[in-house]
Amino acid sequence: MFGKVEDKANEVAGTLEEAFGKATDAPQHQVCGAARKYASQASYAARGVTESVKTQVESNPLTGVTIAAAVGIVFGFLLGRK
């Protein structure tokens, strides 16, 4: 939970830094602010997906094991080819 709050706070801080860079015509602040904002958005989305997958695996453990095994077989096949 605190990770999501931190991600949102970083997103707001990035937006503010980007706006500051535009107002002062400082490209470094614009780029740093945009990077911080988009990194926070990606982190927030990844946390949501992680929580969703965790919930699905907890409610259906056999399905989770089956999917993990299938992914392992596919990776093994792809890495084993020469």
N, C-alpha and C. Protein backbone atom coordinates (compact mmCIF):
# COMPACT_ATOMS: atom_id res chain seq x y z
N MET A 1 0.82 -1.19 0.00
CA MET A 1 0.00 0.00 0.00
C MET A 1 0.87 1.26 0.00
N PHE A 2 1.90 1.28 0.86
CA PHE A 2 2.73 2.47 0.94
C PHE A 2 3.50 2.68 -0.36
N GLY A 3 3.79 1.60 -1.07
CA GLY A 3 4.48 1.74 -2.35
C GLY A 3 3.65 2.50 -3.36
N LYS A 4 2.34 2.24 -3.36
CA LYS A 4 1.47 2.94 -4.29
C LYS A 4 1.39 4.42 -3.95
N VAL A 5 1.33 4.73 -2.66
CA VAL A 5 1.29 6.13 -2.23
C VAL A 5 2.58 6.83 -2.63
N GLU A 6 3.69 6.13 -2.43
CA GLU A 6 4.99 6.70 -2.81
C GLU A 6 5.07 6.93 -4.31
N ASP A 7 4.55 5.99 -5.10
CA ASP A 7 4.54 6.14 -6.55
C ASP A 7 3.73 7.36 -6.97
N LYS A 8 2.56 7.53 -6.36
CA LYS A 8 1.72 8.69 -6.70
C LYS A 8 2.40 9.99 -6.29
N ALA A 9 3.06 10.00 -5.13
CA ALA A 9 3.77 11.20 -4.68
C ALA A 9 4.92 11.53 -5.64
N ASN A 10 5.65 10.52 -6.09
CA ASN A 10 6.72 10.75 -7.06
C ASN A 10 6.18 11.23 -8.39
N GLU A 11 5.01 10.73 -8.78
CA GLU A 11 4.40 11.17 -10.03
C GLU A 11 4.05 12.66 -9.95
N VAL A 12 3.47 13.07 -8.83
CA VAL A 12 3.13 14.48 -8.64
C VAL A 12 4.40 15.34 -8.61
N ALA A 13 5.42 14.86 -7.92
CA ALA A 13 6.69 15.60 -7.86
C ALA A 13 7.30 15.72 -9.25
N GLY A 14 7.22 14.67 -10.04
CA GLY A 14 7.74 14.72 -11.40
C GLY A 14 6.97 15.70 -12.26
N THR A 15 5.65 15.73 -12.10
CA THR A 15 4.83 16.68 -12.85
C THR A 15 5.19 18.11 -12.47
N LEU A 16 5.37 18.34 -11.17
CA LEU A 16 5.75 19.69 -10.72
C LEU A 16 7.13 20.09 -11.24
N GLU A 17 8.07 19.15 -11.21
CA GLU A 17 9.42 19.46 -11.70
C GLU A 17 9.39 19.74 -13.20
N GLU A 18 8.58 18.98 -13.93
CA GLU A 18 8.46 19.20 -15.36
C GLU A 18 7.85 20.58 -15.64
N ALA A 19 6.82 20.95 -14.88
CA ALA A 19 6.19 22.26 -15.05
C ALA A 19 7.17 23.38 -14.69
N PHE A 20 7.96 23.17 -13.64
CA PHE A 20 8.97 24.15 -13.26
C PHE A 20 9.98 24.33 -14.39
N GLY A 21 10.38 23.23 -15.01
CA GLY A 21 11.32 23.30 -16.12
C GLY A 21 10.75 24.05 -17.31
N LYS A 22 9.47 23.86 -17.57
CA LYS A 22 8.83 24.59 -18.67
C LYS A 22 8.74 26.08 -18.34
N ALA A 23 8.39 26.39 -17.08
CA ALA A 23 8.23 27.79 -16.68
C ALA A 23 9.56 28.54 -16.71
N THR A 24 10.63 27.87 -16.32
CA THR A 24 11.94 28.53 -16.27
C THR A 24 12.77 28.26 -17.52
N ASP A 25 12.20 27.55 -18.47
CA ASP A 25 12.88 27.20 -19.71
C ASP A 25 14.18 26.44 -19.43
N ALA A 26 14.07 25.46 -18.52
CA ALA A 26 15.22 24.63 -18.14
C ALA A 26 14.97 23.21 -18.62
N PRO A 27 15.56 22.82 -19.75
CA PRO A 27 15.29 21.49 -20.30
C PRO A 27 15.69 20.34 -19.37
N GLN A 28 16.71 20.57 -18.54
CA GLN A 28 17.14 19.50 -17.62
C GLN A 28 16.02 19.18 -16.64
N HIS A 29 15.36 20.19 -16.11
CA HIS A 29 14.25 19.96 -15.19
C HIS A 29 13.06 19.32 -15.91
N GLN A 30 12.83 19.72 -17.15
CA GLN A 30 11.73 19.12 -17.91
C GLN A 30 11.96 17.63 -18.10
N VAL A 31 13.17 17.27 -18.51
CA VAL A 31 13.49 15.86 -18.78
C VAL A 31 13.47 15.05 -17.48
N CYS A 32 14.09 15.57 -16.44
CA CYS A 32 14.12 14.85 -15.16
C CYS A 32 12.72 14.68 -14.59
N GLY A 33 11.90 15.73 -14.70
CA GLY A 33 10.53 15.65 -14.20
C GLY A 33 9.71 14.64 -14.98
N ALA A 34 9.84 14.67 -16.31
CA ALA A 34 9.09 13.72 -17.13
C ALA A 34 9.54 12.29 -16.85
N ALA A 35 10.85 12.08 -16.71
CA ALA A 35 11.35 10.74 -16.43
C ALA A 35 10.84 10.24 -15.09
N ARG A 36 10.85 11.11 -14.09
CA ARG A 36 10.37 10.73 -12.75
C ARG A 36 8.88 10.40 -12.79
N LYS A 37 8.13 11.22 -13.52
CA LYS A 37 6.68 11.02 -13.61
C LYS A 37 6.36 9.68 -14.29
N TYR A 38 6.99 9.43 -15.44
CA TYR A 38 6.67 8.21 -16.18
C TYR A 38 7.20 6.96 -15.48
N ALA A 39 8.33 7.07 -14.80
CA ALA A 39 8.84 5.93 -14.03
C ALA A 39 7.88 5.59 -12.89
N SER A 40 7.33 6.60 -12.26
CA SER A 40 6.38 6.37 -11.18
C SER A 40 5.09 5.75 -11.70
N GLN A 41 4.64 6.20 -12.87
CA GLN A 41 3.43 5.62 -13.47
C GLN A 41 3.65 4.15 -13.81
N ALA A 42 4.82 3.84 -14.35
CA ALA A 42 5.12 2.44 -14.68
C ALA A 42 5.20 1.59 -13.42
N SER A 43 5.82 2.11 -12.38
CA SER A 43 5.92 1.38 -11.12
C SER A 43 4.54 1.15 -10.51
N TYR A 44 3.68 2.15 -10.57
CA TYR A 44 2.32 2.03 -10.04
C TYR A 44 1.56 0.94 -10.80
N ALA A 45 1.69 0.94 -12.13
CA ALA A 45 1.01 -0.07 -12.94
C ALA A 45 1.56 -1.47 -12.65
N ALA A 46 2.88 -1.58 -12.50
CA ALA A 46 3.48 -2.88 -12.21
C ALA A 46 3.03 -3.41 -10.86
N ARG A 47 2.89 -2.52 -9.88
CA ARG A 47 2.40 -2.96 -8.57
C ARG A 47 0.97 -3.48 -8.68
N GLY A 48 0.16 -2.82 -9.48
CA GLY A 48 -1.22 -3.28 -9.66
C GLY A 48 -1.28 -4.65 -10.30
N VAL A 49 -0.46 -4.86 -11.32
CA VAL A 49 -0.42 -6.16 -11.99
C VAL A 49 0.08 -7.23 -11.03
N THR A 50 1.11 -6.91 -10.27
CA THR A 50 1.67 -7.86 -9.31
C THR A 50 0.64 -8.28 -8.27
N GLU A 51 -0.10 -7.31 -7.76
CA GLU A 51 -1.14 -7.63 -6.77
C GLU A 51 -2.24 -8.49 -7.39
N SER A 52 -2.59 -8.20 -8.64
CA SER A 52 -3.62 -8.97 -9.32
C SER A 52 -3.18 -10.42 -9.53
N VAL A 53 -1.95 -10.60 -9.98
CA VAL A 53 -1.42 -11.95 -10.19
C VAL A 53 -1.33 -12.70 -8.86
N LYS A 54 -0.88 -12.02 -7.82
CA LYS A 54 -0.77 -12.65 -6.50
C LYS A 54 -2.14 -13.12 -6.02
N THR A 55 -3.16 -12.29 -6.20
CA THR A 55 -4.51 -12.67 -5.80
C THR A 55 -5.01 -13.87 -6.59
N GLN A 56 -4.75 -13.89 -7.89
CA GLN A 56 -5.18 -15.00 -8.73
C GLN A 56 -4.48 -16.30 -8.34
N VAL A 57 -3.19 -16.22 -8.07
CA VAL A 57 -2.44 -17.43 -7.70
C VAL A 57 -2.89 -17.94 -6.33
N GLU A 58 -3.17 -17.03 -5.40
CA GLU A 58 -3.64 -17.46 -4.08
C GLU A 58 -5.01 -18.13 -4.16
N SER A 59 -5.87 -17.66 -5.06
CA SER A 59 -7.20 -18.25 -5.16
C SER A 59 -7.20 -19.51 -6.03
N ASN A 60 -6.26 -19.63 -6.96
CA ASN A 60 -6.17 -20.80 -7.84
C ASN A 60 -4.72 -21.27 -7.92
N PRO A 61 -4.21 -21.95 -6.89
CA PRO A 61 -2.79 -22.31 -6.88
C PRO A 61 -2.40 -23.30 -7.98
N LEU A 62 -3.27 -24.23 -8.31
CA LEU A 62 -2.93 -25.22 -9.34
C LEU A 62 -2.76 -24.54 -10.70
N THR A 63 -3.61 -23.59 -10.99
CA THR A 63 -3.48 -22.85 -12.24
C THR A 63 -2.17 -22.08 -12.28
N GLY A 64 -1.79 -21.48 -11.16
CA GLY A 64 -0.53 -20.75 -11.09
C GLY A 64 0.67 -21.65 -11.34
N VAL A 65 0.65 -22.83 -10.75
CA VAL A 65 1.75 -23.78 -10.94
C VAL A 65 1.80 -24.25 -12.39
N THR A 66 0.64 -24.49 -12.98
CA THR A 66 0.58 -24.93 -14.38
C THR A 66 1.14 -23.86 -15.31
N ILE A 67 0.75 -22.63 -15.09
CA ILE A 67 1.25 -21.54 -15.93
C ILE A 67 2.75 -21.36 -15.75
N ALA A 68 3.23 -21.44 -14.52
CA ALA A 68 4.67 -21.31 -14.26
C ALA A 68 5.44 -22.44 -14.95
N ALA A 69 4.91 -23.65 -14.92
CA ALA A 69 5.57 -24.77 -15.58
C ALA A 69 5.60 -24.56 -17.09
N ALA A 70 4.50 -24.08 -17.65
CA ALA A 70 4.44 -23.84 -19.09
C ALA A 70 5.44 -22.77 -19.51
N VAL A 71 5.54 -21.71 -18.73
CA VAL A 71 6.51 -20.66 -19.03
C VAL A 71 7.93 -21.21 -18.93
N GLY A 72 8.19 -22.04 -17.93
CA GLY A 72 9.51 -22.65 -17.79
C GLY A 72 9.86 -23.54 -18.97
N ILE A 73 8.90 -24.30 -19.45
CA ILE A 73 9.14 -25.17 -20.61
C ILE A 73 9.44 -24.33 -21.85
N VAL A 74 8.67 -23.27 -22.05
CA VAL A 74 8.89 -22.41 -23.22
C VAL A 74 10.27 -21.76 -23.14
N PHE A 75 10.64 -21.22 -21.97
CA PHE A 75 11.97 -20.62 -21.83
C PHE A 75 13.06 -21.66 -22.04
N GLY A 76 12.88 -22.85 -21.49
CA GLY A 76 13.86 -23.91 -21.68
C GLY A 76 14.02 -24.29 -23.14
N PHE A 77 12.91 -24.35 -23.84
CA PHE A 77 12.95 -24.68 -25.27
C PHE A 77 13.67 -23.58 -26.05
N LEU A 78 13.33 -22.33 -25.77
CA LEU A 78 13.95 -21.23 -26.50
C LEU A 78 15.44 -21.09 -26.19
N LEU A 79 15.81 -21.28 -24.93
CA LEU A 79 17.22 -21.15 -24.56
C LEU A 79 18.04 -22.37 -24.97
N GLY A 80 17.40 -23.51 -25.13
CA GLY A 80 18.10 -24.73 -25.49
C GLY A 80 18.38 -24.85 -26.98
N ARG A 81 17.71 -24.06 -27.78
CA ARG A 81 17.92 -24.13 -29.24
C ARG A 81 19.24 -23.51 -29.61
N LYS A 82 19.89 -24.11 -30.59
CA LYS A 82 21.17 -23.56 -31.06
C LYS A 82 21.15 -23.36 -32.54
